[in-house]
Amino acid sequence: MSSESSISRTGPINAKLLMIGVASVGKSSLLLRFTDQQWLPEHQATVGVDTWSHKLNVRGKRVNLTVWDTAGQERFRAITSSYYRGTQGILLVYDITDRESYEALPWWFGDRGRNVPESVVKIVVGNKADKEHARQVSTAEAAAYAARMGCLFVETSAKTAVGVCDAFRDVVERIVETPELWVAQEERRVSSPRHQVPCMI
């Protein structure tokens, strides 16, 4: 049996996700809700990049997940490209109550296209779904855009937890189903974890 076959059957998968999008769409809040089941109404903005680790069992596979939470401010966009390396999944996040954050998605898609292969799993995430009264982007419009871009789509609320687990689960499941994304990276280790919280999906 080849070493690659053995790893793909029994060893854990090391997967890296990258969260991108403009500032204040709630990327850090989504990650905090996913990893710690918490929501903070006043969450400090990410400076540069923050990394979190998480352990999951997905479709019978053990997954060592690292999530990179990037700053969305303009001054940090130039350095964000260095964090794409080794990424297997990307969450493109916008705020359903802020149309400008949604209209910025094509820029992020272009940046992604310059830095990662087309095979990388992508999901468009419309956050702050609890603020339906202030919605500026319809579900149908965003879902249609995601479909045109060949992406998964979900609406979430870091405040109420609606859709949050789905956003991460759907990406990780697709990665697990796509061995070419992870077999070649079996020896990559999750470095400098901020949190390690068991999670079952």
N, C-alpha and C. Protein backbone atom coordinates (compact mmCIF):
# COMPACT_ATOMS: atom_id res chain seq x y z
N MET A 1 0.85 -1.20 0.00
CA MET A 1 0.00 0.00 0.00
C MET A 1 0.88 1.23 0.00
N SER A 2 0.62 2.20 -0.84
CA SER A 2 1.44 3.39 -0.91
C SER A 2 1.24 4.24 0.32
N SER A 3 2.25 5.10 0.62
CA SER A 3 2.14 5.99 1.79
C SER A 3 1.00 6.96 1.60
N GLU A 4 0.77 7.42 0.36
CA GLU A 4 -0.31 8.36 0.10
C GLU A 4 -1.65 7.72 0.39
N SER A 5 -1.82 6.44 -0.02
CA SER A 5 -3.07 5.73 0.22
C SER A 5 -3.29 5.54 1.70
N SER A 6 -2.21 5.21 2.44
CA SER A 6 -2.33 5.00 3.87
C SER A 6 -2.75 6.27 4.57
N ILE A 7 -2.14 7.40 4.17
CA ILE A 7 -2.47 8.67 4.80
C ILE A 7 -3.91 9.05 4.50
N SER A 8 -4.33 8.85 3.24
CA SER A 8 -5.66 9.26 2.86
C SER A 8 -6.72 8.43 3.58
N ARG A 9 -6.35 7.21 4.04
CA ARG A 9 -7.33 6.36 4.70
C ARG A 9 -7.36 6.55 6.22
N THR A 10 -6.17 6.71 6.83
CA THR A 10 -6.12 6.66 8.28
C THR A 10 -5.63 7.93 8.95
N GLY A 11 -4.82 8.71 8.29
CA GLY A 11 -4.24 9.88 8.94
C GLY A 11 -5.18 11.07 8.96
N PRO A 12 -4.94 12.01 9.86
CA PRO A 12 -5.76 13.22 9.89
C PRO A 12 -5.48 14.10 8.69
N ILE A 13 -6.46 14.86 8.29
CA ILE A 13 -6.31 15.83 7.21
C ILE A 13 -5.98 17.17 7.82
N ASN A 14 -4.94 17.81 7.31
CA ASN A 14 -4.62 19.17 7.73
C ASN A 14 -5.24 20.13 6.72
N ALA A 15 -6.19 20.92 7.16
CA ALA A 15 -6.91 21.82 6.25
C ALA A 15 -6.78 23.26 6.72
N LYS A 16 -6.59 24.14 5.76
CA LYS A 16 -6.47 25.57 6.06
C LYS A 16 -7.59 26.33 5.38
N LEU A 17 -8.30 27.13 6.18
CA LEU A 17 -9.34 28.01 5.66
C LEU A 17 -8.90 29.46 5.82
N LEU A 18 -9.30 30.29 4.87
CA LEU A 18 -9.00 31.72 4.92
C LEU A 18 -10.30 32.49 4.87
N MET A 19 -10.47 33.44 5.79
CA MET A 19 -11.65 34.29 5.81
C MET A 19 -11.27 35.67 5.27
N ILE A 20 -11.97 36.11 4.22
CA ILE A 20 -11.67 37.40 3.62
C ILE A 20 -12.95 38.20 3.44
N GLY A 21 -12.79 39.50 3.25
CA GLY A 21 -13.92 40.41 3.13
C GLY A 21 -13.55 41.74 3.76
N VAL A 22 -14.33 42.77 3.48
CA VAL A 22 -14.00 44.09 4.02
C VAL A 22 -14.16 44.10 5.54
N ALA A 23 -13.68 45.17 6.15
CA ALA A 23 -13.73 45.29 7.60
C ALA A 23 -15.18 45.39 8.09
N SER A 24 -15.41 44.90 9.30
CA SER A 24 -16.69 45.06 10.03
C SER A 24 -17.84 44.22 9.49
N VAL A 25 -17.54 43.20 8.67
CA VAL A 25 -18.62 42.32 8.22
C VAL A 25 -18.87 41.19 9.23
N GLY A 26 -17.97 41.04 10.21
CA GLY A 26 -18.18 40.04 11.25
C GLY A 26 -17.38 38.77 11.09
N LYS A 27 -16.26 38.82 10.39
CA LYS A 27 -15.46 37.61 10.20
C LYS A 27 -14.99 37.04 11.54
N SER A 28 -14.44 37.89 12.39
CA SER A 28 -13.94 37.42 13.68
C SER A 28 -15.07 36.91 14.56
N SER A 29 -16.22 37.56 14.49
CA SER A 29 -17.37 37.14 15.28
C SER A 29 -17.87 35.76 14.84
N LEU A 30 -17.86 35.52 13.54
CA LEU A 30 -18.24 34.20 13.02
C LEU A 30 -17.29 33.13 13.54
N LEU A 31 -16.02 33.43 13.51
CA LEU A 31 -15.03 32.46 13.96
C LEU A 31 -15.14 32.19 15.45
N LEU A 32 -15.38 33.24 16.23
CA LEU A 32 -15.54 33.07 17.67
C LEU A 32 -16.78 32.23 17.98
N ARG A 33 -17.85 32.46 17.25
CA ARG A 33 -19.07 31.67 17.45
C ARG A 33 -18.83 30.20 17.10
N PHE A 34 -18.09 29.97 16.02
CA PHE A 34 -17.82 28.60 15.58
C PHE A 34 -16.91 27.86 16.56
N THR A 35 -15.86 28.49 17.01
CA THR A 35 -14.87 27.80 17.84
C THR A 35 -15.23 27.77 19.31
N ASP A 36 -15.79 28.86 19.83
CA ASP A 36 -16.06 28.96 21.27
C ASP A 36 -17.53 29.09 21.62
N GLN A 37 -18.40 29.05 20.60
CA GLN A 37 -19.84 29.23 20.83
C GLN A 37 -20.13 30.51 21.61
N GLN A 38 -19.41 31.57 21.27
CA GLN A 38 -19.60 32.85 21.94
C GLN A 38 -19.88 33.94 20.92
N TRP A 39 -20.53 35.00 21.41
CA TRP A 39 -20.73 36.20 20.60
C TRP A 39 -20.47 37.41 21.46
N LEU A 40 -19.61 38.30 20.99
CA LEU A 40 -19.29 39.52 21.72
C LEU A 40 -19.80 40.71 20.93
N PRO A 41 -20.70 41.51 21.50
CA PRO A 41 -21.27 42.65 20.75
C PRO A 41 -20.23 43.68 20.35
N GLU A 42 -19.13 43.77 21.10
CA GLU A 42 -18.06 44.71 20.77
C GLU A 42 -16.78 43.92 20.60
N HIS A 43 -16.56 43.45 19.38
CA HIS A 43 -15.39 42.60 19.10
C HIS A 43 -14.31 43.46 18.48
N GLN A 44 -13.09 43.35 19.01
CA GLN A 44 -11.98 44.15 18.51
C GLN A 44 -11.61 43.75 17.09
N ALA A 45 -11.37 44.75 16.25
CA ALA A 45 -11.04 44.49 14.86
C ALA A 45 -9.71 43.74 14.75
N THR A 46 -9.65 42.83 13.79
CA THR A 46 -8.42 42.08 13.54
C THR A 46 -7.37 43.00 12.92
N VAL A 47 -6.15 42.87 13.40
CA VAL A 47 -5.02 43.63 12.85
C VAL A 47 -4.11 42.64 12.14
N GLY A 48 -4.00 42.78 10.83
CA GLY A 48 -3.17 41.85 10.06
C GLY A 48 -3.89 40.52 9.88
N VAL A 49 -3.53 39.53 10.69
CA VAL A 49 -4.16 38.21 10.59
C VAL A 49 -4.16 37.55 11.96
N ASP A 50 -5.18 36.76 12.23
CA ASP A 50 -5.27 36.00 13.46
C ASP A 50 -5.52 34.55 13.06
N THR A 51 -4.90 33.60 13.74
CA THR A 51 -5.08 32.19 13.39
C THR A 51 -5.67 31.42 14.55
N TRP A 52 -6.58 30.51 14.21
CA TRP A 52 -7.25 29.67 15.19
C TRP A 52 -7.17 28.23 14.70
N SER A 53 -7.07 27.29 15.64
CA SER A 53 -7.09 25.88 15.24
C SER A 53 -8.30 25.19 15.84
N HIS A 54 -8.72 24.12 15.18
CA HIS A 54 -9.94 23.44 15.57
C HIS A 54 -9.82 21.98 15.12
N LYS A 55 -10.33 21.05 15.89
CA LYS A 55 -10.30 19.65 15.52
C LYS A 55 -11.72 19.18 15.26
N LEU A 56 -11.91 18.49 14.13
CA LEU A 56 -13.23 18.04 13.74
C LEU A 56 -13.18 16.60 13.26
N ASN A 57 -14.35 15.95 13.27
CA ASN A 57 -14.54 14.67 12.60
C ASN A 57 -15.58 14.91 11.51
N VAL A 58 -15.19 14.70 10.27
CA VAL A 58 -16.07 14.97 9.14
C VAL A 58 -16.08 13.76 8.22
N ARG A 59 -17.25 13.17 8.01
CA ARG A 59 -17.40 12.02 7.12
C ARG A 59 -16.38 10.93 7.44
N GLY A 60 -16.18 10.69 8.71
CA GLY A 60 -15.28 9.64 9.15
C GLY A 60 -13.81 10.01 9.11
N LYS A 61 -13.51 11.25 8.77
CA LYS A 61 -12.13 11.73 8.72
C LYS A 61 -11.84 12.68 9.88
N ARG A 62 -10.64 12.52 10.43
CA ARG A 62 -10.19 13.49 11.42
C ARG A 62 -9.58 14.68 10.68
N VAL A 63 -9.97 15.87 11.07
CA VAL A 63 -9.49 17.07 10.39
C VAL A 63 -8.85 18.02 11.40
N ASN A 64 -7.60 18.36 11.16
CA ASN A 64 -6.93 19.41 11.92
C ASN A 64 -7.11 20.69 11.12
N LEU A 65 -7.99 21.54 11.59
CA LEU A 65 -8.39 22.73 10.84
C LEU A 65 -7.69 23.97 11.40
N THR A 66 -7.10 24.75 10.51
CA THR A 66 -6.57 26.06 10.86
C THR A 66 -7.36 27.10 10.09
N VAL A 67 -7.88 28.10 10.79
CA VAL A 67 -8.64 29.17 10.15
C VAL A 67 -7.85 30.47 10.30
N TRP A 68 -7.59 31.12 9.20
CA TRP A 68 -6.88 32.40 9.18
C TRP A 68 -7.92 33.51 8.99
N ASP A 69 -8.00 34.36 9.97
CA ASP A 69 -8.95 35.47 9.98
C ASP A 69 -8.18 36.73 9.61
N THR A 70 -8.46 37.28 8.42
CA THR A 70 -7.68 38.41 7.92
C THR A 70 -8.40 39.74 8.15
N ALA A 71 -7.60 40.79 8.28
CA ALA A 71 -8.15 42.14 8.40
C ALA A 71 -8.69 42.58 7.05
N GLY A 72 -9.77 43.34 7.05
CA GLY A 72 -10.35 43.78 5.79
C GLY A 72 -10.04 45.22 5.45
N GLN A 73 -9.33 45.92 6.35
CA GLN A 73 -9.02 47.31 6.07
C GLN A 73 -8.11 47.43 4.86
N GLU A 74 -8.27 48.49 4.12
CA GLU A 74 -7.51 48.71 2.89
C GLU A 74 -6.01 48.58 3.11
N ARG A 75 -5.52 49.11 4.23
CA ARG A 75 -4.07 49.12 4.44
C ARG A 75 -3.48 47.73 4.64
N PHE A 76 -4.34 46.74 4.92
CA PHE A 76 -3.84 45.38 5.12
C PHE A 76 -3.99 44.50 3.89
N ARG A 77 -4.68 44.99 2.87
CA ARG A 77 -4.96 44.12 1.72
C ARG A 77 -3.69 43.70 0.99
N ALA A 78 -2.69 44.55 0.99
CA ALA A 78 -1.45 44.22 0.28
C ALA A 78 -0.74 43.03 0.90
N ILE A 79 -0.89 42.82 2.21
CA ILE A 79 -0.19 41.71 2.85
C ILE A 79 -1.04 40.45 2.90
N THR A 80 -2.34 40.60 2.63
CA THR A 80 -3.22 39.44 2.72
C THR A 80 -2.82 38.34 1.74
N SER A 81 -2.30 38.72 0.58
CA SER A 81 -1.99 37.73 -0.44
C SER A 81 -1.00 36.67 0.05
N SER A 82 -0.12 37.04 0.98
CA SER A 82 0.86 36.07 1.47
C SER A 82 0.21 34.96 2.28
N TYR A 83 -1.01 35.18 2.75
CA TYR A 83 -1.68 34.19 3.58
C TYR A 83 -2.47 33.16 2.76
N TYR A 84 -2.56 33.34 1.46
CA TYR A 84 -3.29 32.39 0.63
C TYR A 84 -2.55 31.07 0.48
N ARG A 85 -1.25 31.07 0.69
CA ARG A 85 -0.46 29.88 0.42
C ARG A 85 -0.94 28.68 1.24
N GLY A 86 -1.19 27.56 0.57
CA GLY A 86 -1.61 26.35 1.25
C GLY A 86 -3.08 26.31 1.62
N THR A 87 -3.85 27.31 1.18
CA THR A 87 -5.27 27.37 1.53
C THR A 87 -6.08 26.38 0.70
N GLN A 88 -6.98 25.66 1.38
CA GLN A 88 -7.87 24.74 0.67
C GLN A 88 -9.31 25.24 0.62
N GLY A 89 -9.66 26.18 1.49
CA GLY A 89 -11.02 26.71 1.52
C GLY A 89 -11.02 28.19 1.85
N ILE A 90 -11.92 28.93 1.19
CA ILE A 90 -12.01 30.38 1.41
C ILE A 90 -13.45 30.77 1.71
N LEU A 91 -13.64 31.52 2.79
CA LEU A 91 -14.93 32.09 3.13
C LEU A 91 -14.90 33.57 2.76
N LEU A 92 -15.72 33.96 1.78
CA LEU A 92 -15.83 35.35 1.37
C LEU A 92 -17.05 35.95 2.07
N VAL A 93 -16.80 36.81 3.02
CA VAL A 93 -17.86 37.27 3.92
C VAL A 93 -18.29 38.70 3.59
N TYR A 94 -19.60 38.91 3.59
CA TYR A 94 -20.15 40.27 3.47
C TYR A 94 -21.24 40.44 4.50
N ASP A 95 -21.70 41.67 4.68
CA ASP A 95 -22.74 42.02 5.64
C ASP A 95 -24.03 42.28 4.86
N ILE A 96 -25.09 41.52 5.17
CA ILE A 96 -26.33 41.68 4.40
C ILE A 96 -26.95 43.06 4.56
N THR A 97 -26.53 43.82 5.59
CA THR A 97 -27.07 45.16 5.81
C THR A 97 -26.18 46.25 5.22
N ASP A 98 -25.12 45.85 4.54
CA ASP A 98 -24.15 46.80 3.99
C ASP A 98 -23.88 46.44 2.54
N ARG A 99 -24.56 47.10 1.63
CA ARG A 99 -24.43 46.73 0.22
C ARG A 99 -23.01 46.92 -0.30
N GLU A 100 -22.30 47.90 0.22
CA GLU A 100 -20.93 48.13 -0.24
C GLU A 100 -20.04 46.91 0.05
N SER A 101 -20.28 46.26 1.18
CA SER A 101 -19.47 45.07 1.50
C SER A 101 -19.76 43.94 0.51
N TYR A 102 -21.00 43.86 0.05
CA TYR A 102 -21.38 42.86 -0.95
C TYR A 102 -20.78 43.21 -2.31
N GLU A 103 -20.83 44.48 -2.67
CA GLU A 103 -20.31 44.91 -3.96
C GLU A 103 -18.79 44.85 -4.02
N ALA A 104 -18.15 44.66 -2.88
CA ALA A 104 -16.69 44.50 -2.85
C ALA A 104 -16.28 43.06 -3.15
N LEU A 105 -17.23 42.13 -3.17
CA LEU A 105 -16.89 40.72 -3.39
C LEU A 105 -16.12 40.48 -4.70
N PRO A 106 -16.48 41.13 -5.82
CA PRO A 106 -15.70 40.89 -7.04
C PRO A 106 -14.22 41.21 -6.86
N TRP A 107 -13.89 42.22 -6.07
CA TRP A 107 -12.47 42.51 -5.82
C TRP A 107 -11.81 41.34 -5.11
N TRP A 108 -12.49 40.80 -4.09
CA TRP A 108 -11.93 39.69 -3.33
C TRP A 108 -11.84 38.44 -4.20
N PHE A 109 -12.81 38.24 -5.08
CA PHE A 109 -12.74 37.11 -6.00
C PHE A 109 -11.54 37.26 -6.93
N GLY A 110 -11.29 38.48 -7.38
CA GLY A 110 -10.14 38.72 -8.25
C GLY A 110 -8.84 38.48 -7.52
N ASP A 111 -8.77 38.91 -6.26
CA ASP A 111 -7.57 38.69 -5.46
C ASP A 111 -7.35 37.21 -5.24
N ARG A 112 -8.45 36.49 -4.95
CA ARG A 112 -8.36 35.05 -4.77
C ARG A 112 -7.86 34.37 -6.03
N GLY A 113 -8.37 34.81 -7.17
CA GLY A 113 -7.99 34.19 -8.43
C GLY A 113 -6.52 34.34 -8.76
N ARG A 114 -5.92 35.41 -8.25
CA ARG A 114 -4.49 35.62 -8.50
C ARG A 114 -3.61 34.80 -7.58
N ASN A 115 -4.19 34.22 -6.53
CA ASN A 115 -3.36 33.62 -5.49
C ASN A 115 -3.60 32.15 -5.21
N VAL A 116 -4.73 31.58 -5.64
CA VAL A 116 -5.01 30.17 -5.35
C VAL A 116 -5.57 29.47 -6.58
N PRO A 117 -5.43 28.15 -6.64
CA PRO A 117 -5.99 27.39 -7.77
C PRO A 117 -7.51 27.45 -7.77
N GLU A 118 -8.09 27.22 -8.92
CA GLU A 118 -9.54 27.23 -9.06
C GLU A 118 -10.20 26.15 -8.23
N SER A 119 -9.47 25.05 -7.96
CA SER A 119 -10.04 23.92 -7.23
C SER A 119 -10.29 24.20 -5.75
N VAL A 120 -9.72 25.28 -5.22
CA VAL A 120 -9.93 25.62 -3.81
C VAL A 120 -11.43 25.84 -3.57
N VAL A 121 -11.95 25.30 -2.47
CA VAL A 121 -13.37 25.41 -2.15
C VAL A 121 -13.69 26.83 -1.68
N LYS A 122 -14.76 27.39 -2.22
CA LYS A 122 -15.14 28.76 -1.89
C LYS A 122 -16.60 28.81 -1.45
N ILE A 123 -16.88 29.68 -0.48
CA ILE A 123 -18.25 29.89 -0.05
C ILE A 123 -18.49 31.37 0.19
N VAL A 124 -19.59 31.88 -0.32
CA VAL A 124 -20.01 33.25 -0.07
C VAL A 124 -20.89 33.24 1.18
N VAL A 125 -20.53 34.05 2.16
CA VAL A 125 -21.22 34.06 3.45
C VAL A 125 -21.83 35.44 3.70
N GLY A 126 -23.16 35.49 3.76
CA GLY A 126 -23.86 36.73 4.09
C GLY A 126 -24.13 36.77 5.58
N ASN A 127 -23.35 37.56 6.31
CA ASN A 127 -23.46 37.60 7.77
C ASN A 127 -24.46 38.66 8.24
N LYS A 128 -24.80 38.59 9.51
CA LYS A 128 -25.73 39.50 10.20
C LYS A 128 -27.18 39.29 9.74
N ALA A 129 -27.53 38.03 9.50
CA ALA A 129 -28.89 37.70 9.06
C ALA A 129 -29.93 38.00 10.13
N ASP A 130 -29.50 38.23 11.37
CA ASP A 130 -30.44 38.60 12.42
C ASP A 130 -30.99 40.02 12.24
N LYS A 131 -30.36 40.80 11.34
CA LYS A 131 -30.79 42.18 11.11
C LYS A 131 -31.63 42.28 9.84
N GLU A 132 -32.64 41.45 9.77
CA GLU A 132 -33.49 41.39 8.58
C GLU A 132 -34.12 42.75 8.27
N HIS A 133 -34.45 43.51 9.29
CA HIS A 133 -35.10 44.81 9.11
C HIS A 133 -34.20 45.81 8.38
N ALA A 134 -32.88 45.58 8.42
CA ALA A 134 -31.93 46.50 7.79
C ALA A 134 -31.29 45.90 6.54
N ARG A 135 -31.82 44.80 6.04
CA ARG A 135 -31.23 44.10 4.89
C ARG A 135 -31.14 45.00 3.67
N GLN A 136 -29.97 44.96 3.01
CA GLN A 136 -29.76 45.68 1.76
C GLN A 136 -29.44 44.74 0.59
N VAL A 137 -29.16 43.48 0.90
CA VAL A 137 -28.84 42.50 -0.14
C VAL A 137 -29.77 41.31 0.04
N SER A 138 -30.56 41.01 -0.98
CA SER A 138 -31.52 39.92 -0.86
C SER A 138 -30.80 38.57 -0.92
N THR A 139 -31.43 37.58 -0.30
CA THR A 139 -30.88 36.22 -0.32
C THR A 139 -30.79 35.71 -1.75
N ALA A 140 -31.82 35.95 -2.53
CA ALA A 140 -31.86 35.47 -3.91
C ALA A 140 -30.73 36.07 -4.75
N GLU A 141 -30.49 37.36 -4.58
CA GLU A 141 -29.44 38.01 -5.37
C GLU A 141 -28.07 37.43 -5.03
N ALA A 142 -27.79 37.29 -3.74
CA ALA A 142 -26.48 36.78 -3.32
C ALA A 142 -26.29 35.31 -3.71
N ALA A 143 -27.36 34.53 -3.58
CA ALA A 143 -27.28 33.11 -3.94
C ALA A 143 -27.01 32.96 -5.43
N ALA A 144 -27.65 33.80 -6.25
CA ALA A 144 -27.44 33.74 -7.69
C ALA A 144 -26.01 34.13 -8.04
N TYR A 145 -25.47 35.13 -7.35
CA TYR A 145 -24.09 35.54 -7.60
C TYR A 145 -23.12 34.42 -7.25
N ALA A 146 -23.34 33.79 -6.09
CA ALA A 146 -22.47 32.69 -5.67
C ALA A 146 -22.51 31.56 -6.70
N ALA A 147 -23.70 31.27 -7.21
CA ALA A 147 -23.84 30.20 -8.20
C ALA A 147 -23.06 30.54 -9.47
N ARG A 148 -23.14 31.80 -9.90
CA ARG A 148 -22.39 32.21 -11.10
C ARG A 148 -20.89 32.07 -10.90
N MET A 149 -20.45 32.27 -9.67
CA MET A 149 -19.02 32.19 -9.36
C MET A 149 -18.59 30.77 -9.01
N GLY A 150 -19.53 29.83 -9.06
CA GLY A 150 -19.20 28.44 -8.76
C GLY A 150 -18.91 28.19 -7.30
N CYS A 151 -19.61 28.93 -6.42
CA CYS A 151 -19.35 28.87 -4.98
C CYS A 151 -20.54 28.30 -4.22
N LEU A 152 -20.25 27.84 -3.03
CA LEU A 152 -21.29 27.54 -2.06
C LEU A 152 -21.83 28.86 -1.53
N PHE A 153 -22.98 28.81 -0.86
CA PHE A 153 -23.58 30.04 -0.31
C PHE A 153 -24.34 29.72 0.96
N VAL A 154 -24.25 30.63 1.93
CA VAL A 154 -25.04 30.51 3.16
C VAL A 154 -25.19 31.89 3.78
N GLU A 155 -26.30 32.11 4.46
CA GLU A 155 -26.46 33.31 5.28
C GLU A 155 -26.31 32.91 6.74
N THR A 156 -25.68 33.78 7.52
CA THR A 156 -25.34 33.46 8.89
C THR A 156 -25.66 34.62 9.83
N SER A 157 -25.66 34.29 11.11
CA SER A 157 -25.71 35.31 12.15
C SER A 157 -24.78 34.87 13.27
N ALA A 158 -23.69 35.60 13.45
CA ALA A 158 -22.78 35.29 14.55
C ALA A 158 -23.49 35.50 15.89
N LYS A 159 -24.47 36.39 15.91
CA LYS A 159 -25.20 36.69 17.15
C LYS A 159 -26.08 35.54 17.58
N THR A 160 -26.85 34.98 16.64
CA THR A 160 -27.80 33.91 16.98
C THR A 160 -27.28 32.52 16.67
N ALA A 161 -26.15 32.44 15.99
CA ALA A 161 -25.49 31.19 15.59
C ALA A 161 -26.13 30.54 14.36
N VAL A 162 -27.17 31.13 13.80
CA VAL A 162 -27.83 30.57 12.63
C VAL A 162 -26.84 30.48 11.46
N GLY A 163 -26.72 29.31 10.89
CA GLY A 163 -25.90 29.11 9.70
C GLY A 163 -24.40 29.08 9.91
N VAL A 164 -23.92 29.38 11.10
CA VAL A 164 -22.48 29.49 11.32
C VAL A 164 -21.79 28.14 11.14
N CYS A 165 -22.30 27.13 11.83
CA CYS A 165 -21.69 25.80 11.69
C CYS A 165 -21.80 25.30 10.25
N ASP A 166 -22.91 25.63 9.58
CA ASP A 166 -23.09 25.22 8.19
C ASP A 166 -22.00 25.80 7.30
N ALA A 167 -21.64 27.07 7.52
CA ALA A 167 -20.65 27.73 6.67
C ALA A 167 -19.33 26.98 6.70
N PHE A 168 -18.86 26.65 7.90
CA PHE A 168 -17.58 25.95 8.03
C PHE A 168 -17.71 24.48 7.65
N ARG A 169 -18.81 23.85 8.07
CA ARG A 169 -19.02 22.43 7.77
C ARG A 169 -19.06 22.17 6.27
N ASP A 170 -19.80 23.01 5.54
CA ASP A 170 -19.95 22.79 4.11
C ASP A 170 -18.61 22.87 3.38
N VAL A 171 -17.77 23.83 3.80
CA VAL A 171 -16.45 23.97 3.17
C VAL A 171 -15.58 22.77 3.50
N VAL A 172 -15.53 22.38 4.78
CA VAL A 172 -14.68 21.27 5.19
C VAL A 172 -15.13 19.96 4.55
N GLU A 173 -16.43 19.74 4.46
CA GLU A 173 -16.93 18.53 3.81
C GLU A 173 -16.50 18.48 2.35
N ARG A 174 -16.58 19.60 1.66
CA ARG A 174 -16.17 19.63 0.25
C ARG A 174 -14.67 19.37 0.11
N ILE A 175 -13.88 19.89 1.06
CA ILE A 175 -12.43 19.64 1.04
C ILE A 175 -12.17 18.14 1.24
N VAL A 176 -12.85 17.54 2.21
CA VAL A 176 -12.67 16.11 2.47
C VAL A 176 -13.03 15.29 1.24
N GLU A 177 -14.01 15.74 0.49
CA GLU A 177 -14.45 15.03 -0.72
C GLU A 177 -13.52 15.27 -1.91
N THR A 178 -12.52 16.15 -1.74
CA THR A 178 -11.62 16.51 -2.83
C THR A 178 -10.18 16.21 -2.43
N PRO A 179 -9.75 14.93 -2.49
CA PRO A 179 -8.43 14.54 -1.98
C PRO A 179 -7.27 15.33 -2.57
N GLU A 180 -7.39 15.78 -3.83
CA GLU A 180 -6.26 16.50 -4.41
C GLU A 180 -5.94 17.79 -3.67
N LEU A 181 -6.89 18.27 -2.85
CA LEU A 181 -6.64 19.48 -2.09
C LEU A 181 -5.80 19.24 -0.84
N TRP A 182 -5.80 17.99 -0.35
CA TRP A 182 -5.13 17.77 0.93
C TRP A 182 -4.11 16.63 0.97
N VAL A 183 -4.17 15.67 0.04
CA VAL A 183 -3.25 14.54 0.09
C VAL A 183 -1.79 15.00 0.03
N ALA A 184 -1.50 16.01 -0.81
CA ALA A 184 -0.12 16.47 -0.97
C ALA A 184 0.37 17.26 0.22
N GLN A 185 -0.53 17.58 1.17
CA GLN A 185 -0.13 18.40 2.30
C GLN A 185 -0.24 17.65 3.62
N GLU A 186 -0.14 16.32 3.57
CA GLU A 186 -0.36 15.51 4.76
C GLU A 186 0.63 15.78 5.89
N GLU A 187 1.82 16.32 5.53
CA GLU A 187 2.81 16.53 6.57
C GLU A 187 2.79 17.95 7.13
N ARG A 188 1.89 18.79 6.56
CA ARG A 188 1.82 20.16 7.06
C ARG A 188 1.22 20.15 8.46
N ARG A 189 1.79 20.87 9.37
CA ARG A 189 1.32 20.91 10.76
C ARG A 189 0.61 22.22 11.04
N VAL A 190 -0.42 22.17 11.86
CA VAL A 190 -1.10 23.38 12.30
C VAL A 190 -0.17 24.09 13.26
N SER A 191 0.18 25.33 12.92
CA SER A 191 1.17 26.05 13.72
C SER A 191 0.53 27.15 14.55
N SER A 192 1.09 27.39 15.72
CA SER A 192 0.70 28.46 16.63
C SER A 192 -0.81 28.55 16.83
N PRO A 193 -1.47 27.49 17.32
CA PRO A 193 -2.91 27.56 17.51
C PRO A 193 -3.27 28.49 18.64
N ARG A 194 -4.33 29.23 18.44
CA ARG A 194 -4.80 30.11 19.49
C ARG A 194 -5.78 29.38 20.39
N HIS A 195 -6.60 28.53 19.80
CA HIS A 195 -7.56 27.73 20.56
C HIS A 195 -7.58 26.33 19.97
N GLN A 196 -7.82 25.34 20.80
CA GLN A 196 -8.06 23.99 20.35
C GLN A 196 -9.31 23.48 21.04
N VAL A 197 -10.41 23.45 20.31
CA VAL A 197 -11.70 23.10 20.87
C VAL A 197 -12.27 21.94 20.07
N PRO A 198 -12.61 20.81 20.71
CA PRO A 198 -13.18 19.69 19.95
C PRO A 198 -14.53 20.05 19.37
N CYS A 199 -14.80 19.59 18.17
CA CYS A 199 -16.08 19.86 17.53
C CYS A 199 -16.47 18.66 16.71
N MET A 200 -17.73 18.28 16.78
CA MET A 200 -18.23 17.17 15.97
C MET A 200 -19.18 17.71 14.93
N ILE A 201 -18.98 17.33 13.66
CA ILE A 201 -19.90 17.73 12.59
C ILE A 201 -20.45 16.49 11.93
